[in-house]
Amino acid sequence: MYRRIHTALILVILSLMPLHLQGQESAGLFSSVKGIGATLRTPESGGVFHSATAFIDIYGVPTSRCSNPGIRVNVSRQYVLGRTAKGDVGMTFYAGPGITAGYVRDHDKGRGIDLTSLMSDNDGIVAALSADAGCRFDFGGLVSLDLSFAGDLGLHIRQNEREHGYFATSLSIYNNGWMQLLYPQIVFLFHLR
């Protein structure tokens, strides 16, 4: 049942994403301790640009605490705060709000060691408001480097790990959203125009 929900959620998220490549300024490869994925970014207009990032959330997978990864999608509106140049390298500083949705595993619940939570995957749906800030480094070519930090504040809805016999849900704060705030995100941007 969860596999069907997982597949349906991925299809819904992908169908809702504005993936019109003709109007995009750049596309990039997303890399972080959070996961790996892709980013699309619109052209800047009036000091504002939009970005959409979809990535595989790998929380718990490298340490074998989780059997499979999740997926997260973020769409955000970025405001340019300033620009500077050091020699041939231009830097653009930005920050802005956004929304995050996905099907992920959240941080283990409970105080101390909670074996029920530790041994279960805790997969569920996340819906959150997000905020991020970063700096884009332009080297005068077709490739730029983007370094940012982002956090999410929202809810995580999952099957109750104590009640596997029937479909009982649990609702909690999405802990990984704010706990991963200081994980750096690096994007290699390739300019399409």
N, C-alpha and C. Protein backbone atom coordinates (compact mmCIF):
# COMPACT_ATOMS: atom_id res chain seq x y z
N MET A 1 0.82 -1.19 0.00
CA MET A 1 0.00 0.00 0.00
C MET A 1 0.87 1.26 0.00
N TYR A 2 1.91 1.28 0.84
CA TYR A 2 2.78 2.46 0.91
C TYR A 2 3.53 2.66 -0.40
N ARG A 3 3.88 1.59 -1.09
CA ARG A 3 4.58 1.72 -2.37
C ARG A 3 3.67 2.42 -3.38
N ARG A 4 2.37 2.11 -3.37
CA ARG A 4 1.44 2.75 -4.28
C ARG A 4 1.28 4.23 -3.94
N ILE A 5 1.20 4.53 -2.65
CA ILE A 5 1.10 5.93 -2.21
C ILE A 5 2.36 6.69 -2.62
N HIS A 6 3.52 6.07 -2.42
CA HIS A 6 4.81 6.68 -2.76
C HIS A 6 4.87 7.00 -4.25
N THR A 7 4.49 6.05 -5.11
CA THR A 7 4.51 6.25 -6.55
C THR A 7 3.51 7.32 -6.96
N ALA A 8 2.32 7.31 -6.41
CA ALA A 8 1.30 8.31 -6.75
C ALA A 8 1.75 9.70 -6.34
N LEU A 9 2.35 9.83 -5.17
CA LEU A 9 2.82 11.12 -4.70
C LEU A 9 3.89 11.68 -5.63
N ILE A 10 4.82 10.84 -6.05
CA ILE A 10 5.87 11.28 -6.97
C ILE A 10 5.26 11.78 -8.27
N LEU A 11 4.29 11.05 -8.82
CA LEU A 11 3.65 11.45 -10.08
C LEU A 11 2.89 12.76 -9.93
N VAL A 12 2.21 12.95 -8.82
CA VAL A 12 1.48 14.20 -8.59
C VAL A 12 2.44 15.38 -8.48
N ILE A 13 3.51 15.21 -7.71
CA ILE A 13 4.48 16.30 -7.54
C ILE A 13 5.12 16.66 -8.87
N LEU A 14 5.51 15.67 -9.64
CA LEU A 14 6.15 15.94 -10.93
C LEU A 14 5.18 16.62 -11.90
N SER A 15 3.90 16.27 -11.84
CA SER A 15 2.94 16.90 -12.75
C SER A 15 2.64 18.34 -12.35
N LEU A 16 2.83 18.69 -11.08
CA LEU A 16 2.56 20.05 -10.63
C LEU A 16 3.74 20.99 -10.82
N MET A 17 4.93 20.45 -11.03
CA MET A 17 6.12 21.29 -11.16
C MET A 17 6.14 22.00 -12.51
N PRO A 18 6.45 23.30 -12.50
CA PRO A 18 6.54 24.03 -13.77
C PRO A 18 7.87 23.74 -14.45
N LEU A 19 7.89 22.75 -15.34
CA LEU A 19 9.14 22.34 -15.97
C LEU A 19 9.23 22.84 -17.42
N HIS A 20 8.97 24.11 -17.64
CA HIS A 20 9.03 24.69 -18.97
C HIS A 20 10.48 25.11 -19.24
N LEU A 21 11.26 24.24 -19.83
CA LEU A 21 12.68 24.50 -20.02
C LEU A 21 12.95 25.68 -20.94
N GLN A 22 12.03 26.02 -21.87
CA GLN A 22 12.30 27.12 -22.77
C GLN A 22 12.52 28.43 -22.01
N GLY A 23 11.81 28.66 -20.92
CA GLY A 23 11.90 29.92 -20.19
C GLY A 23 12.91 29.90 -19.07
N GLN A 24 13.64 28.85 -18.89
CA GLN A 24 14.56 28.75 -17.78
C GLN A 24 15.89 29.41 -18.10
N GLU A 25 16.42 30.10 -17.13
CA GLU A 25 17.74 30.68 -17.29
C GLU A 25 18.81 29.62 -17.13
N SER A 26 18.62 28.72 -16.15
CA SER A 26 19.66 27.72 -15.88
C SER A 26 19.06 26.47 -15.27
N ALA A 27 19.79 25.38 -15.43
CA ALA A 27 19.46 24.10 -14.81
C ALA A 27 20.73 23.63 -14.12
N GLY A 28 20.57 22.86 -13.04
CA GLY A 28 21.76 22.47 -12.31
C GLY A 28 21.65 21.15 -11.59
N LEU A 29 22.79 20.71 -11.10
CA LEU A 29 22.90 19.49 -10.32
C LEU A 29 23.00 19.86 -8.85
N PHE A 30 22.05 19.37 -8.05
CA PHE A 30 21.97 19.66 -6.62
C PHE A 30 22.74 18.59 -5.85
N SER A 31 23.57 19.02 -4.91
CA SER A 31 24.33 18.08 -4.09
C SER A 31 24.40 18.60 -2.66
N SER A 32 24.11 17.73 -1.71
CA SER A 32 24.13 18.10 -0.29
C SER A 32 24.19 16.83 0.55
N VAL A 33 24.44 17.00 1.82
CA VAL A 33 24.34 15.88 2.75
C VAL A 33 22.89 15.42 2.82
N LYS A 34 21.95 16.29 2.50
CA LYS A 34 20.53 15.97 2.47
C LYS A 34 20.19 14.99 1.36
N GLY A 35 20.86 15.12 0.19
CA GLY A 35 20.57 14.26 -0.94
C GLY A 35 21.14 14.81 -2.23
N ILE A 36 20.72 14.20 -3.35
CA ILE A 36 21.18 14.63 -4.66
C ILE A 36 19.96 14.78 -5.57
N GLY A 37 20.07 15.74 -6.53
CA GLY A 37 18.94 15.96 -7.42
C GLY A 37 19.23 16.99 -8.48
N ALA A 38 18.17 17.72 -8.89
CA ALA A 38 18.28 18.70 -9.97
C ALA A 38 17.55 19.98 -9.58
N THR A 39 18.01 21.10 -10.18
CA THR A 39 17.43 22.41 -9.93
C THR A 39 17.16 23.12 -11.24
N LEU A 40 16.03 23.80 -11.34
CA LEU A 40 15.70 24.67 -12.46
C LEU A 40 15.52 26.07 -11.90
N ARG A 41 16.03 27.08 -12.61
CA ARG A 41 15.97 28.45 -12.13
C ARG A 41 15.49 29.36 -13.25
N THR A 42 14.52 30.25 -12.95
CA THR A 42 13.99 31.18 -13.94
C THR A 42 14.93 32.38 -14.10
N PRO A 43 14.76 33.12 -15.20
CA PRO A 43 15.56 34.34 -15.36
C PRO A 43 15.21 35.37 -14.29
N GLU A 44 16.19 36.13 -13.88
CA GLU A 44 15.99 37.17 -12.89
C GLU A 44 15.24 38.33 -13.52
N SER A 45 14.24 38.84 -12.81
CA SER A 45 13.46 39.98 -13.29
C SER A 45 13.14 40.88 -12.11
N GLY A 46 13.62 42.11 -12.15
CA GLY A 46 13.35 43.04 -11.06
C GLY A 46 13.96 42.62 -9.74
N GLY A 47 15.09 41.94 -9.78
CA GLY A 47 15.75 41.51 -8.55
C GLY A 47 15.13 40.27 -7.92
N VAL A 48 14.30 39.55 -8.68
CA VAL A 48 13.62 38.35 -8.16
C VAL A 48 13.79 37.21 -9.17
N PHE A 49 14.04 36.00 -8.66
CA PHE A 49 14.02 34.82 -9.52
C PHE A 49 13.37 33.68 -8.74
N HIS A 50 12.93 32.66 -9.47
CA HIS A 50 12.29 31.50 -8.86
C HIS A 50 13.14 30.27 -9.14
N SER A 51 13.10 29.33 -8.21
CA SER A 51 13.82 28.07 -8.43
C SER A 51 12.96 26.91 -7.97
N ALA A 52 13.14 25.78 -8.65
CA ALA A 52 12.46 24.52 -8.30
C ALA A 52 13.55 23.45 -8.18
N THR A 53 13.56 22.76 -7.06
CA THR A 53 14.55 21.72 -6.80
C THR A 53 13.84 20.43 -6.42
N ALA A 54 14.21 19.35 -7.06
CA ALA A 54 13.71 18.01 -6.71
C ALA A 54 14.93 17.15 -6.41
N PHE A 55 14.91 16.49 -5.25
CA PHE A 55 16.06 15.66 -4.91
C PHE A 55 15.65 14.43 -4.13
N ILE A 56 16.53 13.43 -4.20
CA ILE A 56 16.37 12.19 -3.44
C ILE A 56 16.86 12.46 -2.03
N ASP A 57 15.98 12.31 -1.05
CA ASP A 57 16.33 12.53 0.36
C ASP A 57 16.94 11.24 0.89
N ILE A 58 18.20 11.31 1.30
CA ILE A 58 18.92 10.09 1.70
C ILE A 58 19.05 9.93 3.21
N TYR A 59 18.22 10.64 3.99
CA TYR A 59 18.31 10.51 5.44
C TYR A 59 18.15 9.04 5.86
N GLY A 60 19.11 8.53 6.60
CA GLY A 60 19.05 7.18 7.14
C GLY A 60 19.52 6.08 6.21
N VAL A 61 19.66 6.37 4.92
CA VAL A 61 20.07 5.34 3.97
C VAL A 61 21.55 4.97 4.11
N PRO A 62 22.47 5.96 4.14
CA PRO A 62 23.90 5.59 4.26
C PRO A 62 24.24 4.83 5.54
N THR A 63 23.49 5.06 6.61
CA THR A 63 23.76 4.38 7.88
C THR A 63 22.91 3.13 8.07
N SER A 64 22.13 2.75 7.06
CA SER A 64 21.26 1.57 7.07
C SER A 64 20.16 1.65 8.12
N ARG A 65 19.78 2.85 8.55
CA ARG A 65 18.65 3.01 9.46
C ARG A 65 17.35 3.01 8.68
N CYS A 66 17.45 3.19 7.37
CA CYS A 66 16.28 3.27 6.51
C CYS A 66 16.52 2.41 5.28
N SER A 67 15.50 1.72 4.82
CA SER A 67 15.69 0.80 3.70
C SER A 67 15.65 1.47 2.34
N ASN A 68 14.95 2.60 2.20
CA ASN A 68 14.92 3.28 0.90
C ASN A 68 14.83 4.79 1.09
N PRO A 69 15.32 5.56 0.10
CA PRO A 69 15.30 7.01 0.22
C PRO A 69 13.92 7.59 -0.06
N GLY A 70 13.76 8.85 0.25
CA GLY A 70 12.53 9.56 -0.05
C GLY A 70 12.77 10.54 -1.18
N ILE A 71 11.77 11.38 -1.43
CA ILE A 71 11.91 12.43 -2.44
C ILE A 71 11.33 13.72 -1.87
N ARG A 72 12.05 14.83 -2.12
CA ARG A 72 11.58 16.15 -1.69
C ARG A 72 11.61 17.11 -2.87
N VAL A 73 10.62 17.99 -2.92
CA VAL A 73 10.53 19.01 -3.95
C VAL A 73 10.35 20.35 -3.25
N ASN A 74 11.12 21.34 -3.70
CA ASN A 74 11.02 22.68 -3.14
C ASN A 74 10.88 23.67 -4.28
N VAL A 75 9.95 24.60 -4.13
CA VAL A 75 9.78 25.71 -5.05
C VAL A 75 9.91 26.98 -4.23
N SER A 76 10.78 27.90 -4.67
CA SER A 76 11.03 29.09 -3.87
C SER A 76 11.14 30.35 -4.72
N ARG A 77 10.92 31.45 -4.08
CA ARG A 77 11.04 32.79 -4.68
C ARG A 77 12.22 33.46 -4.01
N GLN A 78 13.21 33.85 -4.79
CA GLN A 78 14.44 34.41 -4.25
C GLN A 78 14.55 35.90 -4.56
N TYR A 79 14.95 36.68 -3.57
CA TYR A 79 15.17 38.11 -3.72
C TYR A 79 16.67 38.38 -3.70
N VAL A 80 17.15 39.09 -4.71
CA VAL A 80 18.57 39.43 -4.77
C VAL A 80 18.85 40.53 -3.74
N LEU A 81 19.78 40.26 -2.82
CA LEU A 81 20.11 41.20 -1.76
C LEU A 81 21.28 42.11 -2.12
N GLY A 82 22.15 41.63 -3.00
CA GLY A 82 23.29 42.43 -3.39
C GLY A 82 24.21 41.68 -4.33
N ARG A 83 25.10 42.44 -4.94
CA ARG A 83 26.07 41.87 -5.86
C ARG A 83 27.43 42.50 -5.58
N THR A 84 28.46 41.71 -5.87
CA THR A 84 29.82 42.21 -5.77
C THR A 84 30.69 41.40 -6.73
N ALA A 85 31.85 41.93 -7.03
CA ALA A 85 32.76 41.22 -7.93
C ALA A 85 34.17 41.30 -7.36
N LYS A 86 34.87 40.19 -7.42
CA LYS A 86 36.27 40.09 -7.01
C LYS A 86 37.05 39.58 -8.21
N GLY A 87 37.64 40.48 -8.96
CA GLY A 87 38.34 40.07 -10.18
C GLY A 87 37.35 39.59 -11.22
N ASP A 88 37.53 38.39 -11.71
CA ASP A 88 36.65 37.81 -12.73
C ASP A 88 35.45 37.06 -12.15
N VAL A 89 35.34 37.00 -10.83
CA VAL A 89 34.27 36.26 -10.18
C VAL A 89 33.21 37.22 -9.66
N GLY A 90 31.99 37.08 -10.18
CA GLY A 90 30.86 37.86 -9.68
C GLY A 90 30.09 37.06 -8.65
N MET A 91 29.64 37.74 -7.59
CA MET A 91 28.87 37.07 -6.53
C MET A 91 27.52 37.75 -6.38
N THR A 92 26.47 36.94 -6.33
CA THR A 92 25.11 37.43 -6.14
C THR A 92 24.56 36.81 -4.85
N PHE A 93 24.18 37.66 -3.89
CA PHE A 93 23.64 37.19 -2.61
C PHE A 93 22.11 37.26 -2.68
N TYR A 94 21.43 36.22 -2.18
CA TYR A 94 19.98 36.16 -2.26
C TYR A 94 19.40 35.45 -1.04
N ALA A 95 18.11 35.64 -0.84
CA ALA A 95 17.36 34.94 0.22
C ALA A 95 15.89 34.99 -0.16
N GLY A 96 15.12 34.02 0.36
CA GLY A 96 13.70 34.03 0.06
C GLY A 96 12.93 32.88 0.65
N PRO A 97 11.59 32.97 0.58
CA PRO A 97 10.70 31.92 1.09
C PRO A 97 10.34 30.90 0.02
N GLY A 98 9.73 29.80 0.45
CA GLY A 98 9.29 28.79 -0.49
C GLY A 98 8.40 27.76 0.20
N ILE A 99 8.09 26.69 -0.55
CA ILE A 99 7.32 25.58 0.01
C ILE A 99 8.02 24.27 -0.34
N THR A 100 7.90 23.31 0.55
CA THR A 100 8.50 22.00 0.37
C THR A 100 7.43 20.93 0.53
N ALA A 101 7.48 19.91 -0.31
CA ALA A 101 6.58 18.77 -0.20
C ALA A 101 7.37 17.52 -0.58
N GLY A 102 6.90 16.38 -0.11
CA GLY A 102 7.59 15.15 -0.48
C GLY A 102 7.13 13.96 0.32
N TYR A 103 7.83 12.87 0.10
CA TYR A 103 7.59 11.61 0.81
C TYR A 103 8.94 11.17 1.36
N VAL A 104 9.17 11.37 2.66
CA VAL A 104 10.49 11.21 3.26
C VAL A 104 10.42 10.49 4.60
N ARG A 105 11.57 10.12 5.11
CA ARG A 105 11.69 9.60 6.46
C ARG A 105 12.11 10.76 7.34
N ASP A 106 11.47 10.90 8.49
CA ASP A 106 11.80 11.99 9.39
C ASP A 106 12.73 11.51 10.49
N HIS A 107 13.27 12.45 11.25
CA HIS A 107 14.15 12.15 12.37
C HIS A 107 13.41 11.26 13.37
N ASP A 108 14.16 10.34 13.99
CA ASP A 108 13.56 9.40 14.93
C ASP A 108 12.84 10.12 16.06
N LYS A 109 11.67 9.65 16.38
CA LYS A 109 10.84 10.28 17.41
C LYS A 109 11.22 9.73 18.79
N GLY A 110 10.72 10.39 19.79
CA GLY A 110 10.92 9.91 21.16
C GLY A 110 12.12 10.54 21.83
N ARG A 111 12.21 10.31 23.12
CA ARG A 111 13.32 10.84 23.90
C ARG A 111 14.33 9.74 24.15
N GLY A 112 15.60 10.06 24.05
CA GLY A 112 16.63 9.06 24.27
C GLY A 112 16.58 8.03 23.16
N ILE A 113 16.64 6.77 23.54
CA ILE A 113 16.59 5.69 22.55
C ILE A 113 15.18 5.13 22.52
N ASP A 114 14.50 5.33 21.41
CA ASP A 114 13.15 4.83 21.19
C ASP A 114 13.26 3.71 20.17
N LEU A 115 13.32 2.45 20.63
CA LEU A 115 13.58 1.33 19.73
C LEU A 115 12.49 1.14 18.69
N THR A 116 11.23 1.42 19.04
CA THR A 116 10.15 1.28 18.06
C THR A 116 10.39 2.22 16.89
N SER A 117 10.74 3.47 17.20
CA SER A 117 10.99 4.45 16.16
C SER A 117 12.28 4.16 15.42
N LEU A 118 13.30 3.73 16.13
CA LEU A 118 14.61 3.46 15.54
C LEU A 118 14.53 2.33 14.53
N MET A 119 13.71 1.33 14.79
CA MET A 119 13.64 0.16 13.92
C MET A 119 12.61 0.32 12.80
N SER A 120 11.84 1.39 12.80
CA SER A 120 10.86 1.59 11.72
C SER A 120 11.35 2.67 10.77
N ASP A 121 10.88 2.63 9.54
CA ASP A 121 11.33 3.59 8.54
C ASP A 121 10.75 4.99 8.73
N ASN A 122 9.58 5.13 9.35
CA ASN A 122 8.93 6.41 9.56
C ASN A 122 8.71 7.18 8.26
N ASP A 123 8.49 6.48 7.15
CA ASP A 123 8.20 7.15 5.89
C ASP A 123 6.87 7.85 5.98
N GLY A 124 6.79 9.03 5.39
CA GLY A 124 5.53 9.75 5.38
C GLY A 124 5.58 10.98 4.50
N ILE A 125 4.45 11.66 4.45
CA ILE A 125 4.31 12.86 3.63
C ILE A 125 4.75 14.07 4.43
N VAL A 126 5.51 14.96 3.79
CA VAL A 126 5.92 16.21 4.42
C VAL A 126 5.34 17.37 3.64
N ALA A 127 4.87 18.38 4.36
CA ALA A 127 4.41 19.64 3.79
C ALA A 127 4.96 20.74 4.67
N ALA A 128 5.73 21.67 4.09
CA ALA A 128 6.42 22.65 4.92
C ALA A 128 6.61 23.98 4.19
N LEU A 129 6.75 25.03 4.97
CA LEU A 129 7.21 26.32 4.48
C LEU A 129 8.72 26.31 4.59
N SER A 130 9.40 26.94 3.65
CA SER A 130 10.86 26.92 3.67
C SER A 130 11.43 28.33 3.56
N ALA A 131 12.68 28.44 3.90
CA ALA A 131 13.43 29.68 3.73
C ALA A 131 14.87 29.31 3.43
N ASP A 132 15.49 30.05 2.54
CA ASP A 132 16.89 29.79 2.27
C ASP A 132 17.63 31.07 1.93
N ALA A 133 18.93 31.00 2.04
CA ALA A 133 19.82 32.11 1.72
C ALA A 133 21.07 31.54 1.10
N GLY A 134 21.64 32.27 0.14
CA GLY A 134 22.82 31.73 -0.51
C GLY A 134 23.57 32.76 -1.32
N CYS A 135 24.59 32.26 -2.00
CA CYS A 135 25.44 33.07 -2.84
C CYS A 135 25.74 32.32 -4.13
N ARG A 136 25.57 32.99 -5.25
CA ARG A 136 25.90 32.40 -6.55
C ARG A 136 27.20 33.01 -7.05
N PHE A 137 28.12 32.15 -7.44
CA PHE A 137 29.42 32.57 -7.95
C PHE A 137 29.41 32.41 -9.47
N ASP A 138 29.54 33.52 -10.19
CA ASP A 138 29.59 33.51 -11.65
C ASP A 138 31.03 33.69 -12.09
N PHE A 139 31.49 32.80 -12.94
CA PHE A 139 32.88 32.83 -13.40
C PHE A 139 33.01 33.35 -14.83
N GLY A 140 31.94 33.94 -15.36
CA GLY A 140 31.99 34.51 -16.70
C GLY A 140 31.79 33.51 -17.82
N GLY A 141 31.40 32.30 -17.51
CA GLY A 141 31.20 31.28 -18.54
C GLY A 141 29.78 30.75 -18.51
N LEU A 142 29.62 29.52 -18.95
CA LEU A 142 28.31 28.89 -19.00
C LEU A 142 27.96 28.14 -17.72
N VAL A 143 28.89 28.09 -16.76
CA VAL A 143 28.67 27.36 -15.51
C VAL A 143 28.87 28.31 -14.32
N SER A 144 27.96 28.21 -13.35
CA SER A 144 28.06 28.96 -12.10
C SER A 144 28.00 27.97 -10.94
N LEU A 145 28.44 28.41 -9.79
CA LEU A 145 28.39 27.60 -8.57
C LEU A 145 27.51 28.33 -7.57
N ASP A 146 26.59 27.61 -6.95
CA ASP A 146 25.67 28.19 -5.99
C ASP A 146 25.83 27.48 -4.65
N LEU A 147 26.03 28.24 -3.59
CA LEU A 147 26.15 27.69 -2.24
C LEU A 147 25.04 28.31 -1.40
N SER A 148 24.21 27.47 -0.76
CA SER A 148 23.10 27.99 0.03
C SER A 148 22.83 27.12 1.25
N PHE A 149 22.01 27.67 2.14
CA PHE A 149 21.53 26.97 3.33
C PHE A 149 20.02 27.15 3.37
N ALA A 150 19.29 26.06 3.66
CA ALA A 150 17.82 26.11 3.65
C ALA A 150 17.25 25.31 4.82
N GLY A 151 16.14 25.79 5.32
CA GLY A 151 15.43 25.10 6.39
C GLY A 151 13.95 25.03 6.08
N ASP A 152 13.28 24.03 6.64
CA ASP A 152 11.85 23.82 6.42
C ASP A 152 11.14 23.73 7.76
N LEU A 153 9.98 24.36 7.85
CA LEU A 153 9.14 24.26 9.04
C LEU A 153 7.78 23.75 8.59
N GLY A 154 7.44 22.52 9.02
CA GLY A 154 6.19 21.95 8.56
C GLY A 154 5.79 20.70 9.31
N LEU A 155 4.94 19.90 8.67
CA LEU A 155 4.36 18.71 9.30
C LEU A 155 4.78 17.45 8.56
N HIS A 156 4.87 16.35 9.32
CA HIS A 156 5.18 15.04 8.76
C HIS A 156 4.04 14.10 9.15
N ILE A 157 3.40 13.51 8.13
CA ILE A 157 2.27 12.60 8.35
C ILE A 157 2.71 11.21 7.93
N ARG A 158 2.58 10.23 8.82
CA ARG A 158 3.07 8.89 8.54
C ARG A 158 2.19 7.86 9.25
N GLN A 159 2.42 6.61 8.94
CA GLN A 159 1.72 5.53 9.63
C GLN A 159 2.23 5.47 11.06
N ASN A 160 1.34 5.24 12.00
CA ASN A 160 1.73 5.12 13.40
C ASN A 160 2.59 3.88 13.56
N GLU A 161 3.84 4.07 13.98
CA GLU A 161 4.77 2.94 14.07
C GLU A 161 4.39 1.89 15.12
N ARG A 162 3.51 2.24 16.05
CA ARG A 162 3.08 1.29 17.07
C ARG A 162 1.84 0.49 16.64
N GLU A 163 1.18 0.93 15.59
CA GLU A 163 -0.09 0.31 15.17
C GLU A 163 0.01 -0.16 13.72
N HIS A 164 0.80 -1.19 13.44
CA HIS A 164 0.97 -1.67 12.08
C HIS A 164 -0.20 -2.54 11.60
N GLY A 165 -1.08 -2.97 12.50
CA GLY A 165 -2.18 -3.84 12.12
C GLY A 165 -3.26 -3.14 11.32
N TYR A 166 -3.38 -1.82 11.44
CA TYR A 166 -4.37 -1.06 10.67
C TYR A 166 -3.78 0.30 10.33
N PHE A 167 -4.45 1.05 9.47
CA PHE A 167 -3.91 2.30 8.97
C PHE A 167 -4.22 3.43 9.96
N ALA A 168 -3.37 3.58 10.95
CA ALA A 168 -3.48 4.69 11.90
C ALA A 168 -2.35 5.66 11.59
N THR A 169 -2.65 6.95 11.59
CA THR A 169 -1.63 7.93 11.22
C THR A 169 -1.10 8.66 12.44
N SER A 170 0.11 9.18 12.28
CA SER A 170 0.73 10.04 13.27
C SER A 170 1.05 11.36 12.59
N LEU A 171 0.92 12.44 13.32
CA LEU A 171 1.21 13.77 12.82
C LEU A 171 2.21 14.41 13.75
N SER A 172 3.31 14.94 13.20
CA SER A 172 4.32 15.57 14.04
C SER A 172 5.01 16.69 13.27
N ILE A 173 5.78 17.48 13.99
CA ILE A 173 6.61 18.51 13.37
C ILE A 173 7.67 17.80 12.53
N TYR A 174 7.97 18.32 11.36
CA TYR A 174 9.00 17.75 10.48
C TYR A 174 10.37 18.17 11.03
N ASN A 175 10.94 17.28 11.84
CA ASN A 175 12.19 17.59 12.56
C ASN A 175 13.38 17.79 11.63
N ASN A 176 13.52 16.98 10.59
CA ASN A 176 14.67 17.14 9.70
C ASN A 176 14.67 18.48 9.00
N GLY A 177 13.53 19.09 8.84
CA GLY A 177 13.46 20.39 8.18
C GLY A 177 14.28 21.45 8.87
N TRP A 178 14.15 21.53 10.19
CA TRP A 178 14.93 22.54 10.91
C TRP A 178 16.27 22.00 11.39
N MET A 179 16.39 20.68 11.60
CA MET A 179 17.66 20.12 12.07
C MET A 179 18.73 20.14 10.97
N GLN A 180 18.33 20.14 9.70
CA GLN A 180 19.27 20.15 8.59
C GLN A 180 19.52 21.56 8.05
N LEU A 181 19.15 22.57 8.81
CA LEU A 181 19.31 23.96 8.39
C LEU A 181 20.76 24.30 8.05
N LEU A 182 21.71 23.80 8.78
CA LEU A 182 23.11 24.15 8.57
C LEU A 182 23.84 23.20 7.61
N TYR A 183 23.12 22.30 6.95
CA TYR A 183 23.74 21.45 5.94
C TYR A 183 23.89 22.27 4.65
N PRO A 184 25.10 22.46 4.16
CA PRO A 184 25.27 23.25 2.94
C PRO A 184 24.70 22.54 1.71
N GLN A 185 24.19 23.34 0.79
CA GLN A 185 23.65 22.84 -0.47
C GLN A 185 24.49 23.46 -1.58
N ILE A 186 25.01 22.63 -2.47
CA ILE A 186 25.82 23.11 -3.58
C ILE A 186 25.11 22.74 -4.88
N VAL A 187 24.99 23.72 -5.77
CA VAL A 187 24.36 23.50 -7.07
C VAL A 187 25.33 23.97 -8.16
N PHE A 188 25.63 23.10 -9.11
CA PHE A 188 26.39 23.46 -10.30
C PHE A 188 25.38 23.85 -11.36
N LEU A 189 25.30 25.15 -11.70
CA LEU A 189 24.31 25.66 -12.64
C LEU A 189 24.88 25.74 -14.04
N PHE A 190 24.10 25.26 -15.00
CA PHE A 190 24.46 25.33 -16.40
C PHE A 190 23.47 26.28 -17.07
N HIS A 191 23.95 27.37 -17.65
CA HIS A 191 23.09 28.38 -18.24
C HIS A 191 22.58 27.90 -19.59
N LEU A 192 21.25 27.95 -19.78
CA LEU A 192 20.63 27.44 -20.98
C LEU A 192 20.55 28.50 -22.08
N ARG A 193 20.71 29.75 -21.73
CA ARG A 193 20.68 30.80 -22.74
C ARG A 193 22.00 31.52 -22.82
